[in-house]
């Protein structure tokens, strides 16, 4: 349930169509990863291949009357910078941790016009858990928690957050397609590059 991955591709192939009118291959240039198996691809991959279940945790607070095994990222997550505090939620902290793994790539595009840098991300829940807490507080007290902002809940908030982190001003949007969200984001980004 708790995972974040962000991919960056800086440029498209010069000819988006090959002689057979098939799309040129699209390759992942870099990967930022935060998952229950590790904080980067180098540490997560061997655990994945080995079938390591160490990232699973029992949770009884998700579905009333049931205990479930879920993948959960444990440990410290980065703090959302104060200028972006309206985006402060666990989902965006996971995204920021994944983005940190891509720092050399997004710093390398700082000379590119911000309008030419786009962000396409995928999420299955965005900041819904933080919003559920805020709504529960509202039901009890008739007021939202002081740190609640709609940008934490809104599915598109993730793209706005990542765009603000890297200074992108091109197209920025979030796809939410359950487990296929990340793959759909990559396909959509490839279309934009074309």
N, C-alpha and C. Protein backbone atom coordinates (compact mmCIF):
# COMPACT_ATOMS: atom_id res chain seq x y z
N UNK A 1 0.80 -1.20 0.00
CA UNK A 1 0.00 0.00 0.00
C UNK A 1 0.84 1.26 0.00
N UNK A 2 1.95 1.26 0.71
CA UNK A 2 2.79 2.45 0.77
C UNK A 2 3.99 2.27 -0.14
N UNK A 3 3.98 2.97 -1.23
CA UNK A 3 5.12 2.91 -2.13
C UNK A 3 5.12 4.18 -2.95
N UNK A 4 6.27 4.53 -3.43
CA UNK A 4 6.36 5.68 -4.33
C UNK A 4 7.48 5.40 -5.31
N UNK A 5 7.24 5.71 -6.53
CA UNK A 5 8.30 5.65 -7.51
C UNK A 5 8.08 6.77 -8.50
N UNK A 6 9.16 7.38 -8.89
CA UNK A 6 9.10 8.49 -9.83
C UNK A 6 10.16 8.24 -10.88
N UNK A 7 9.78 8.43 -12.12
CA UNK A 7 10.73 8.24 -13.21
C UNK A 7 10.87 9.54 -13.97
N UNK A 8 12.05 9.79 -14.48
CA UNK A 8 12.30 11.00 -15.25
C UNK A 8 12.87 10.60 -16.60
N UNK A 9 12.35 11.17 -17.65
CA UNK A 9 12.92 11.03 -18.99
C UNK A 9 13.12 12.44 -19.52
N UNK A 10 14.31 12.76 -19.94
CA UNK A 10 14.64 14.12 -20.32
C UNK A 10 14.33 14.42 -21.77
N UNK A 11 14.57 13.50 -22.70
CA UNK A 11 14.30 13.83 -24.10
C UNK A 11 13.73 12.63 -24.83
N UNK A 12 12.98 12.92 -25.86
CA UNK A 12 12.37 11.87 -26.67
C UNK A 12 13.31 11.52 -27.81
N UNK A 13 13.07 10.38 -28.41
CA UNK A 13 13.82 10.00 -29.61
C UNK A 13 13.53 11.02 -30.70
N UNK A 14 14.51 11.26 -31.58
CA UNK A 14 14.34 12.28 -32.61
C UNK A 14 13.26 11.90 -33.62
N UNK A 15 13.05 10.61 -33.83
CA UNK A 15 12.03 10.16 -34.76
C UNK A 15 11.06 9.26 -34.00
N UNK A 16 9.87 9.77 -33.63
CA UNK A 16 8.97 8.97 -32.81
C UNK A 16 8.39 7.76 -33.54
N UNK A 17 8.54 7.68 -34.84
CA UNK A 17 8.03 6.53 -35.60
C UNK A 17 9.18 5.88 -36.36
N UNK A 18 9.24 4.57 -36.33
CA UNK A 18 10.26 3.87 -37.08
C UNK A 18 9.73 3.60 -38.49
N UNK A 19 10.56 2.98 -39.31
CA UNK A 19 10.15 2.69 -40.69
C UNK A 19 8.91 1.81 -40.74
N UNK A 20 8.72 0.97 -39.75
CA UNK A 20 7.55 0.10 -39.75
C UNK A 20 6.35 0.79 -39.11
N UNK A 21 6.46 2.10 -38.87
CA UNK A 21 5.40 2.91 -38.25
C UNK A 21 5.08 2.44 -36.84
N UNK A 22 6.06 1.82 -36.20
CA UNK A 22 5.91 1.43 -34.80
C UNK A 22 6.66 2.43 -33.94
N UNK A 23 6.18 2.68 -32.75
CA UNK A 23 6.88 3.63 -31.88
C UNK A 23 8.30 3.18 -31.55
N UNK A 24 9.20 4.15 -31.48
CA UNK A 24 10.56 3.86 -31.03
C UNK A 24 10.48 3.37 -29.59
N UNK A 25 11.42 2.53 -29.17
CA UNK A 25 11.43 2.09 -27.78
C UNK A 25 11.59 3.29 -26.83
N UNK A 26 10.95 3.20 -25.73
CA UNK A 26 11.05 4.24 -24.70
C UNK A 26 11.70 3.58 -23.50
N UNK A 27 12.75 4.18 -22.99
CA UNK A 27 13.49 3.58 -21.89
C UNK A 27 13.46 4.48 -20.66
N UNK A 28 13.48 3.84 -19.53
CA UNK A 28 13.55 4.55 -18.28
C UNK A 28 14.98 5.05 -18.09
N UNK A 29 15.14 6.32 -17.91
CA UNK A 29 16.48 6.91 -17.76
C UNK A 29 16.98 6.81 -16.33
N UNK A 30 16.07 6.98 -15.37
CA UNK A 30 16.45 6.92 -13.96
C UNK A 30 15.22 6.52 -13.15
N UNK A 31 15.43 6.01 -11.96
CA UNK A 31 14.34 5.56 -11.12
C UNK A 31 14.59 5.98 -9.68
N UNK A 32 13.62 6.66 -9.13
CA UNK A 32 13.63 6.95 -7.70
C UNK A 32 12.61 6.03 -7.07
N UNK A 33 12.95 5.36 -6.01
CA UNK A 33 12.09 4.31 -5.46
C UNK A 33 12.06 4.37 -3.95
N UNK A 34 10.87 4.23 -3.41
CA UNK A 34 10.68 4.04 -1.98
C UNK A 34 9.62 2.96 -1.85
N UNK A 35 9.95 1.87 -1.19
CA UNK A 35 9.00 0.77 -1.07
C UNK A 35 9.25 0.03 0.25
N UNK A 36 8.37 -0.89 0.60
CA UNK A 36 8.61 -1.70 1.80
C UNK A 36 9.87 -2.55 1.70
N UNK A 37 10.39 -2.73 0.48
CA UNK A 37 11.59 -3.54 0.30
C UNK A 37 12.88 -2.73 0.34
N UNK A 38 12.78 -1.41 0.33
CA UNK A 38 13.98 -0.59 0.39
C UNK A 38 13.79 0.79 -0.18
N UNK A 39 14.77 1.64 0.07
CA UNK A 39 14.69 3.03 -0.32
C UNK A 39 15.33 3.35 -1.65
N UNK A 40 15.80 2.33 -2.36
CA UNK A 40 16.35 2.53 -3.70
C UNK A 40 16.30 1.21 -4.44
N UNK A 41 16.44 1.28 -5.76
CA UNK A 41 16.34 0.08 -6.58
C UNK A 41 17.42 -0.95 -6.23
N UNK A 42 18.62 -0.47 -5.92
CA UNK A 42 19.74 -1.38 -5.63
C UNK A 42 19.47 -2.24 -4.40
N UNK A 43 18.82 -1.68 -3.39
CA UNK A 43 18.53 -2.49 -2.20
C UNK A 43 17.22 -3.24 -2.31
N UNK A 44 16.24 -2.72 -3.05
CA UNK A 44 14.94 -3.37 -3.16
C UNK A 44 14.96 -4.57 -4.10
N UNK A 45 15.70 -4.48 -5.22
CA UNK A 45 15.67 -5.55 -6.22
C UNK A 45 16.06 -6.91 -5.67
N UNK A 46 17.17 -7.07 -4.95
CA UNK A 46 17.53 -8.40 -4.43
C UNK A 46 16.46 -8.94 -3.47
N UNK A 47 15.86 -8.09 -2.70
CA UNK A 47 14.81 -8.54 -1.78
C UNK A 47 13.58 -8.99 -2.55
N UNK A 48 13.27 -8.26 -3.63
CA UNK A 48 12.14 -8.62 -4.49
C UNK A 48 12.36 -9.99 -5.12
N UNK A 49 13.54 -10.19 -5.71
CA UNK A 49 13.87 -11.46 -6.37
C UNK A 49 13.84 -12.62 -5.37
N UNK A 50 14.27 -12.36 -4.15
CA UNK A 50 14.32 -13.40 -3.13
C UNK A 50 12.94 -13.70 -2.52
N UNK A 51 11.93 -12.90 -2.87
CA UNK A 51 10.61 -13.11 -2.29
C UNK A 51 10.52 -12.68 -0.84
N UNK A 52 11.34 -11.71 -0.46
CA UNK A 52 11.39 -11.21 0.91
C UNK A 52 10.03 -10.60 1.31
N UNK A 53 9.47 -11.08 2.39
CA UNK A 53 8.19 -10.57 2.89
C UNK A 53 8.37 -9.67 4.09
N UNK A 54 9.61 -9.26 4.36
CA UNK A 54 9.91 -8.46 5.54
C UNK A 54 9.24 -7.10 5.57
N UNK A 55 8.79 -6.60 4.43
CA UNK A 55 8.12 -5.30 4.40
C UNK A 55 6.64 -5.37 4.72
N UNK A 56 6.11 -6.58 4.92
CA UNK A 56 4.69 -6.72 5.24
C UNK A 56 4.46 -6.51 6.73
N UNK A 57 3.37 -5.84 7.04
CA UNK A 57 2.98 -5.56 8.43
C UNK A 57 1.52 -5.93 8.62
N UNK A 58 1.20 -6.40 9.81
CA UNK A 58 -0.21 -6.64 10.15
C UNK A 58 -0.83 -5.31 10.56
N UNK A 59 -2.00 -5.01 9.98
CA UNK A 59 -2.72 -3.79 10.33
C UNK A 59 -4.16 -4.15 10.63
N UNK A 60 -4.67 -3.68 11.75
CA UNK A 60 -6.06 -3.92 12.10
C UNK A 60 -6.87 -2.63 12.09
N UNK A 61 -6.27 -1.54 11.65
CA UNK A 61 -6.94 -0.25 11.67
C UNK A 61 -7.49 0.17 10.30
N UNK A 62 -7.37 -0.68 9.29
CA UNK A 62 -7.78 -0.31 7.94
C UNK A 62 -9.21 -0.72 7.61
N UNK A 63 -9.59 -1.91 8.01
CA UNK A 63 -10.94 -2.43 7.77
C UNK A 63 -11.50 -2.88 9.11
N UNK A 64 -12.62 -2.32 9.54
CA UNK A 64 -13.18 -2.70 10.84
C UNK A 64 -13.37 -4.22 10.96
N UNK A 65 -12.85 -4.77 12.06
CA UNK A 65 -13.02 -6.19 12.35
C UNK A 65 -12.08 -7.11 11.59
N UNK A 66 -11.13 -6.57 10.84
CA UNK A 66 -10.22 -7.42 10.08
C UNK A 66 -8.77 -7.02 10.31
N UNK A 67 -7.92 -8.01 10.30
CA UNK A 67 -6.49 -7.77 10.33
C UNK A 67 -5.96 -8.15 8.95
N UNK A 68 -5.20 -7.23 8.35
CA UNK A 68 -4.68 -7.43 7.00
C UNK A 68 -3.17 -7.33 6.99
N UNK A 69 -2.55 -8.05 6.07
CA UNK A 69 -1.12 -7.90 5.83
C UNK A 69 -0.96 -6.91 4.70
N UNK A 70 -0.19 -5.86 4.93
CA UNK A 70 0.01 -4.83 3.91
C UNK A 70 1.50 -4.50 3.82
N UNK A 71 1.90 -4.06 2.64
CA UNK A 71 3.25 -3.54 2.47
C UNK A 71 3.28 -2.12 2.99
N UNK A 72 4.21 -1.83 3.87
CA UNK A 72 4.25 -0.51 4.49
C UNK A 72 5.68 0.00 4.55
N UNK A 73 5.87 1.23 4.08
CA UNK A 73 7.17 1.88 4.19
C UNK A 73 7.28 2.40 5.62
N UNK A 74 8.28 1.91 6.32
CA UNK A 74 8.50 2.33 7.71
C UNK A 74 9.73 3.23 7.77
N UNK A 75 9.86 3.94 8.84
CA UNK A 75 11.02 4.80 9.02
C UNK A 75 10.73 6.24 8.66
N UNK A 76 11.76 7.04 8.77
CA UNK A 76 11.65 8.47 8.52
C UNK A 76 11.41 8.78 7.06
N UNK A 77 10.51 9.70 6.82
CA UNK A 77 10.30 10.24 5.49
C UNK A 77 10.72 11.70 5.52
N UNK A 78 11.11 12.26 4.38
CA UNK A 78 11.51 13.66 4.38
C UNK A 78 10.35 14.58 4.74
N UNK A 79 10.69 15.72 5.30
CA UNK A 79 9.70 16.72 5.65
C UNK A 79 9.40 17.58 4.43
N UNK A 80 8.13 17.84 4.21
CA UNK A 80 7.73 18.70 3.10
C UNK A 80 8.25 20.11 3.42
N UNK A 81 8.94 20.75 2.47
CA UNK A 81 9.47 22.10 2.73
C UNK A 81 8.34 23.09 3.08
N UNK A 82 8.60 24.03 3.98
CA UNK A 82 7.57 24.98 4.41
C UNK A 82 6.82 25.69 3.26
N UNK A 83 7.50 26.11 2.17
CA UNK A 83 6.74 26.77 1.11
C UNK A 83 5.70 25.85 0.45
N UNK A 84 5.85 24.55 0.62
CA UNK A 84 4.92 23.59 0.03
C UNK A 84 4.07 22.90 1.10
N UNK A 85 3.93 23.52 2.28
CA UNK A 85 3.26 22.88 3.41
C UNK A 85 1.81 22.52 3.12
N UNK A 86 1.16 23.20 2.19
CA UNK A 86 -0.23 22.84 1.90
C UNK A 86 -0.31 21.44 1.29
N UNK A 87 0.81 20.93 0.75
CA UNK A 87 0.86 19.58 0.18
C UNK A 87 1.30 18.53 1.20
N UNK A 88 1.48 18.91 2.47
CA UNK A 88 2.06 18.01 3.47
C UNK A 88 1.12 16.85 3.80
N UNK A 89 1.47 15.67 3.28
CA UNK A 89 0.77 14.44 3.61
C UNK A 89 1.74 13.29 3.37
N UNK A 90 1.40 12.12 3.85
CA UNK A 90 2.31 10.97 3.74
C UNK A 90 2.60 10.64 2.26
N UNK A 91 1.58 10.69 1.41
CA UNK A 91 1.78 10.36 0.00
C UNK A 91 2.84 11.27 -0.62
N UNK A 92 2.78 12.56 -0.35
CA UNK A 92 3.75 13.48 -0.93
C UNK A 92 5.11 13.34 -0.28
N UNK A 93 5.16 12.94 0.99
CA UNK A 93 6.46 12.66 1.62
C UNK A 93 7.11 11.44 0.96
N UNK A 94 6.31 10.43 0.61
CA UNK A 94 6.84 9.28 -0.13
C UNK A 94 7.36 9.72 -1.49
N UNK A 95 6.59 10.58 -2.16
CA UNK A 95 7.02 11.08 -3.47
C UNK A 95 8.31 11.88 -3.34
N UNK A 96 8.42 12.69 -2.30
CA UNK A 96 9.63 13.48 -2.10
C UNK A 96 10.84 12.56 -1.86
N UNK A 97 10.64 11.48 -1.11
CA UNK A 97 11.73 10.53 -0.87
C UNK A 97 12.16 9.89 -2.19
N UNK A 98 11.20 9.52 -3.04
CA UNK A 98 11.55 8.94 -4.34
C UNK A 98 12.23 9.99 -5.22
N UNK A 99 11.75 11.22 -5.16
CA UNK A 99 12.32 12.30 -5.95
C UNK A 99 13.77 12.58 -5.54
N UNK A 100 14.07 12.44 -4.26
CA UNK A 100 15.45 12.64 -3.80
C UNK A 100 16.40 11.67 -4.49
N UNK A 101 15.92 10.46 -4.79
CA UNK A 101 16.74 9.50 -5.51
C UNK A 101 17.03 9.91 -6.94
N UNK A 102 16.31 10.91 -7.43
CA UNK A 102 16.48 11.41 -8.79
C UNK A 102 17.10 12.80 -8.84
N UNK A 103 17.60 13.26 -7.72
CA UNK A 103 18.12 14.62 -7.65
C UNK A 103 19.09 14.96 -8.79
N UNK A 104 20.07 14.11 -9.11
CA UNK A 104 20.98 14.48 -10.21
C UNK A 104 20.25 14.71 -11.54
N UNK A 105 19.22 13.91 -11.81
CA UNK A 105 18.49 14.05 -13.07
C UNK A 105 17.67 15.34 -13.11
N UNK A 106 16.95 15.65 -12.03
CA UNK A 106 16.14 16.86 -12.10
C UNK A 106 16.97 18.12 -11.92
N UNK A 107 18.11 18.02 -11.30
CA UNK A 107 18.99 19.18 -11.26
C UNK A 107 19.63 19.42 -12.63
N UNK A 108 19.84 18.33 -13.40
CA UNK A 108 20.45 18.45 -14.72
C UNK A 108 19.56 19.20 -15.71
N UNK A 109 18.26 19.23 -15.48
CA UNK A 109 17.36 19.93 -16.41
C UNK A 109 17.04 21.35 -15.95
N UNK A 110 17.74 21.83 -14.94
CA UNK A 110 17.46 23.18 -14.43
C UNK A 110 17.72 24.27 -15.47
N UNK A 111 18.54 24.01 -16.48
CA UNK A 111 18.79 25.00 -17.52
C UNK A 111 17.74 24.99 -18.62
N UNK A 112 16.83 24.01 -18.58
CA UNK A 112 15.76 23.91 -19.58
C UNK A 112 14.63 24.85 -19.18
N UNK A 113 14.00 25.46 -20.17
CA UNK A 113 12.87 26.35 -19.87
C UNK A 113 11.82 25.58 -19.07
N UNK A 114 11.38 26.10 -17.93
CA UNK A 114 10.43 25.38 -17.07
C UNK A 114 9.15 24.97 -17.79
N UNK A 115 8.77 25.74 -18.82
CA UNK A 115 7.55 25.42 -19.56
C UNK A 115 7.72 24.15 -20.40
N UNK A 116 8.98 23.73 -20.61
CA UNK A 116 9.26 22.52 -21.40
C UNK A 116 9.43 21.29 -20.53
N UNK A 117 9.27 21.45 -19.23
CA UNK A 117 9.39 20.32 -18.31
C UNK A 117 8.00 19.96 -17.80
N UNK A 118 7.60 18.72 -18.04
CA UNK A 118 6.29 18.25 -17.60
C UNK A 118 6.41 17.21 -16.52
N UNK A 119 5.31 16.98 -15.84
CA UNK A 119 5.24 15.99 -14.77
C UNK A 119 3.99 15.16 -14.99
N UNK A 120 4.17 13.85 -15.09
CA UNK A 120 3.04 12.93 -15.14
C UNK A 120 3.32 11.88 -14.07
N UNK A 121 2.44 11.76 -13.11
CA UNK A 121 2.63 10.81 -12.01
C UNK A 121 1.38 9.94 -11.86
N UNK A 122 1.57 8.80 -11.23
CA UNK A 122 0.46 7.91 -10.95
C UNK A 122 0.33 7.68 -9.46
N UNK A 123 -0.89 7.56 -9.00
CA UNK A 123 -1.15 7.27 -7.59
C UNK A 123 -2.43 6.45 -7.50
N UNK A 124 -2.54 5.64 -6.48
CA UNK A 124 -3.78 4.89 -6.31
C UNK A 124 -4.66 5.54 -5.25
N UNK A 125 -4.05 6.21 -4.28
CA UNK A 125 -4.86 6.80 -3.20
C UNK A 125 -4.54 8.25 -2.91
N UNK A 126 -3.46 8.76 -3.42
CA UNK A 126 -3.01 10.11 -3.12
C UNK A 126 -2.95 10.29 -1.60
N UNK A 127 -3.45 11.41 -1.08
CA UNK A 127 -3.39 11.65 0.36
C UNK A 127 -4.69 11.32 1.07
N UNK A 128 -5.40 10.32 0.61
CA UNK A 128 -6.71 9.99 1.16
C UNK A 128 -6.63 9.67 2.66
N UNK A 129 -5.61 8.95 3.10
CA UNK A 129 -5.55 8.59 4.52
C UNK A 129 -5.42 9.84 5.40
N UNK A 130 -4.64 10.82 4.96
CA UNK A 130 -4.54 12.07 5.73
C UNK A 130 -5.88 12.80 5.74
N UNK A 131 -6.57 12.77 4.60
CA UNK A 131 -7.88 13.41 4.52
C UNK A 131 -8.90 12.70 5.40
N UNK A 132 -8.83 11.37 5.49
CA UNK A 132 -9.74 10.63 6.36
C UNK A 132 -9.56 11.06 7.81
N UNK A 133 -8.31 11.25 8.22
CA UNK A 133 -8.05 11.72 9.58
C UNK A 133 -8.63 13.12 9.80
N UNK A 134 -8.43 14.00 8.82
CA UNK A 134 -8.97 15.36 8.92
C UNK A 134 -10.50 15.35 8.96
N UNK A 135 -11.12 14.50 8.16
CA UNK A 135 -12.58 14.42 8.14
C UNK A 135 -13.12 13.83 9.44
N UNK A 136 -12.42 12.85 10.01
CA UNK A 136 -12.84 12.29 11.30
C UNK A 136 -12.78 13.37 12.38
N UNK A 137 -11.75 14.19 12.34
CA UNK A 137 -11.65 15.30 13.28
C UNK A 137 -12.79 16.28 13.07
N UNK A 138 -13.11 16.56 11.82
CA UNK A 138 -14.22 17.48 11.50
C UNK A 138 -15.54 16.94 12.03
N UNK A 139 -15.77 15.64 11.91
CA UNK A 139 -17.01 15.05 12.42
C UNK A 139 -17.13 15.20 13.94
N UNK A 140 -16.00 15.10 14.63
CA UNK A 140 -16.00 15.21 16.08
C UNK A 140 -16.06 16.65 16.57
N UNK A 141 -15.34 17.55 15.89
CA UNK A 141 -15.16 18.92 16.40
C UNK A 141 -15.84 20.00 15.56
N UNK A 142 -16.38 19.62 14.41
CA UNK A 142 -16.96 20.58 13.46
C UNK A 142 -15.92 21.53 12.86
N UNK A 143 -14.64 21.12 12.92
CA UNK A 143 -13.57 21.92 12.32
C UNK A 143 -12.49 20.98 11.80
N UNK A 144 -11.87 21.37 10.70
CA UNK A 144 -10.75 20.59 10.17
C UNK A 144 -9.50 20.86 11.00
N UNK A 145 -8.57 19.93 10.94
CA UNK A 145 -7.29 20.15 11.60
C UNK A 145 -6.62 21.35 10.93
N UNK A 146 -5.86 22.14 11.68
CA UNK A 146 -5.26 23.35 11.11
C UNK A 146 -4.34 23.09 9.92
N UNK A 147 -3.74 21.90 9.85
CA UNK A 147 -2.80 21.63 8.77
C UNK A 147 -3.45 20.97 7.55
N UNK A 148 -4.77 20.80 7.56
CA UNK A 148 -5.44 20.17 6.43
C UNK A 148 -5.63 21.16 5.29
N UNK A 149 -5.31 20.70 4.08
CA UNK A 149 -5.53 21.49 2.86
C UNK A 149 -6.04 20.53 1.81
N UNK A 150 -6.94 20.99 0.97
CA UNK A 150 -7.52 20.14 -0.07
C UNK A 150 -6.44 19.57 -0.98
N UNK A 151 -5.32 20.25 -1.14
CA UNK A 151 -4.23 19.76 -2.00
C UNK A 151 -3.66 18.42 -1.51
N UNK A 152 -3.88 18.09 -0.22
CA UNK A 152 -3.42 16.81 0.31
C UNK A 152 -4.31 15.67 -0.19
N UNK A 153 -5.57 15.95 -0.40
CA UNK A 153 -6.55 14.94 -0.79
C UNK A 153 -6.70 14.83 -2.30
N UNK A 154 -6.68 15.94 -2.99
CA UNK A 154 -6.96 15.99 -4.42
C UNK A 154 -5.93 15.17 -5.18
N UNK A 155 -6.39 14.24 -6.01
CA UNK A 155 -5.47 13.35 -6.72
C UNK A 155 -4.46 14.11 -7.56
N UNK A 156 -4.85 15.21 -8.17
CA UNK A 156 -3.93 16.01 -8.96
C UNK A 156 -2.91 16.74 -8.13
N UNK A 157 -3.10 16.80 -6.82
CA UNK A 157 -2.16 17.49 -5.95
C UNK A 157 -0.76 16.91 -6.01
N UNK A 158 -0.65 15.61 -6.26
CA UNK A 158 0.66 14.97 -6.33
C UNK A 158 1.49 15.56 -7.47
N UNK A 159 0.88 15.73 -8.65
CA UNK A 159 1.60 16.31 -9.78
C UNK A 159 1.97 17.76 -9.50
N UNK A 160 1.07 18.51 -8.90
CA UNK A 160 1.37 19.90 -8.54
C UNK A 160 2.52 19.98 -7.57
N UNK A 161 2.55 19.06 -6.61
CA UNK A 161 3.63 19.02 -5.63
C UNK A 161 4.97 18.72 -6.29
N UNK A 162 5.02 17.66 -7.11
CA UNK A 162 6.27 17.28 -7.77
C UNK A 162 6.73 18.40 -8.71
N UNK A 163 5.80 19.00 -9.45
CA UNK A 163 6.15 20.10 -10.35
C UNK A 163 6.75 21.26 -9.56
N UNK A 164 6.16 21.59 -8.42
CA UNK A 164 6.70 22.67 -7.60
C UNK A 164 8.09 22.32 -7.07
N UNK A 165 8.31 21.06 -6.71
CA UNK A 165 9.62 20.64 -6.20
C UNK A 165 10.72 20.81 -7.24
N UNK A 166 10.42 20.49 -8.49
CA UNK A 166 11.46 20.53 -9.52
C UNK A 166 11.41 21.78 -10.38
N UNK A 167 10.44 22.66 -10.14
CA UNK A 167 10.33 23.90 -10.90
C UNK A 167 9.74 23.73 -12.28
N UNK A 168 8.97 22.66 -12.50
CA UNK A 168 8.35 22.42 -13.81
C UNK A 168 7.10 23.28 -13.98
N UNK A 169 6.94 23.84 -15.18
CA UNK A 169 5.74 24.63 -15.48
C UNK A 169 5.05 24.15 -16.76
N UNK A 170 5.45 22.98 -17.24
CA UNK A 170 4.78 22.39 -18.40
C UNK A 170 3.56 21.61 -17.93
N UNK A 171 3.07 20.71 -18.78
CA UNK A 171 1.92 19.91 -18.39
C UNK A 171 2.22 19.15 -17.09
N UNK A 172 1.27 19.14 -16.18
CA UNK A 172 1.44 18.41 -14.92
C UNK A 172 0.10 17.82 -14.53
N UNK A 173 0.06 16.48 -14.50
CA UNK A 173 -1.18 15.85 -14.08
C UNK A 173 -0.91 14.48 -13.47
N UNK A 174 -1.92 14.03 -12.74
CA UNK A 174 -1.85 12.77 -12.01
C UNK A 174 -2.87 11.80 -12.59
N UNK A 175 -2.46 10.56 -12.76
CA UNK A 175 -3.37 9.49 -13.17
C UNK A 175 -3.62 8.59 -11.97
N UNK A 176 -4.86 8.18 -11.79
CA UNK A 176 -5.19 7.25 -10.72
C UNK A 176 -5.95 6.08 -11.32
N UNK A 177 -5.25 5.00 -11.55
CA UNK A 177 -5.80 3.80 -12.19
C UNK A 177 -5.47 2.56 -11.35
N UNK A 178 -5.59 2.68 -10.04
CA UNK A 178 -5.27 1.58 -9.12
C UNK A 178 -3.83 1.12 -9.35
N UNK A 179 -3.61 -0.19 -9.45
CA UNK A 179 -2.24 -0.72 -9.54
C UNK A 179 -1.54 -0.38 -10.84
N UNK A 180 -2.26 0.00 -11.87
CA UNK A 180 -1.62 0.32 -13.14
C UNK A 180 -1.28 1.80 -13.26
N UNK A 181 -1.46 2.57 -12.20
CA UNK A 181 -1.24 4.02 -12.26
C UNK A 181 0.15 4.39 -12.75
N UNK A 182 1.18 3.74 -12.23
CA UNK A 182 2.55 4.06 -12.63
C UNK A 182 2.81 3.76 -14.10
N UNK A 183 2.35 2.60 -14.56
CA UNK A 183 2.54 2.23 -15.96
C UNK A 183 1.78 3.19 -16.88
N UNK A 184 0.58 3.58 -16.47
CA UNK A 184 -0.21 4.51 -17.28
C UNK A 184 0.47 5.89 -17.32
N UNK A 185 1.08 6.28 -16.21
CA UNK A 185 1.78 7.57 -16.19
C UNK A 185 2.96 7.55 -17.15
N UNK A 186 3.70 6.44 -17.19
CA UNK A 186 4.82 6.32 -18.12
C UNK A 186 4.34 6.38 -19.57
N UNK A 187 3.25 5.69 -19.88
CA UNK A 187 2.71 5.71 -21.24
C UNK A 187 2.24 7.10 -21.62
N UNK A 188 1.62 7.79 -20.70
CA UNK A 188 1.14 9.14 -20.96
C UNK A 188 2.31 10.10 -21.15
N UNK A 189 3.35 9.96 -20.33
CA UNK A 189 4.53 10.81 -20.46
C UNK A 189 5.19 10.57 -21.82
N UNK A 190 5.22 9.34 -22.24
CA UNK A 190 5.81 9.04 -23.54
C UNK A 190 5.04 9.74 -24.67
N UNK A 191 3.73 9.75 -24.56
CA UNK A 191 2.92 10.46 -25.55
C UNK A 191 3.23 11.94 -25.55
N UNK A 192 3.42 12.53 -24.38
CA UNK A 192 3.78 13.95 -24.31
C UNK A 192 5.14 14.21 -24.96
N UNK A 193 6.09 13.31 -24.73
CA UNK A 193 7.42 13.48 -25.32
C UNK A 193 7.35 13.44 -26.84
N UNK A 194 6.48 12.60 -27.37
CA UNK A 194 6.30 12.54 -28.82
C UNK A 194 5.76 13.84 -29.34
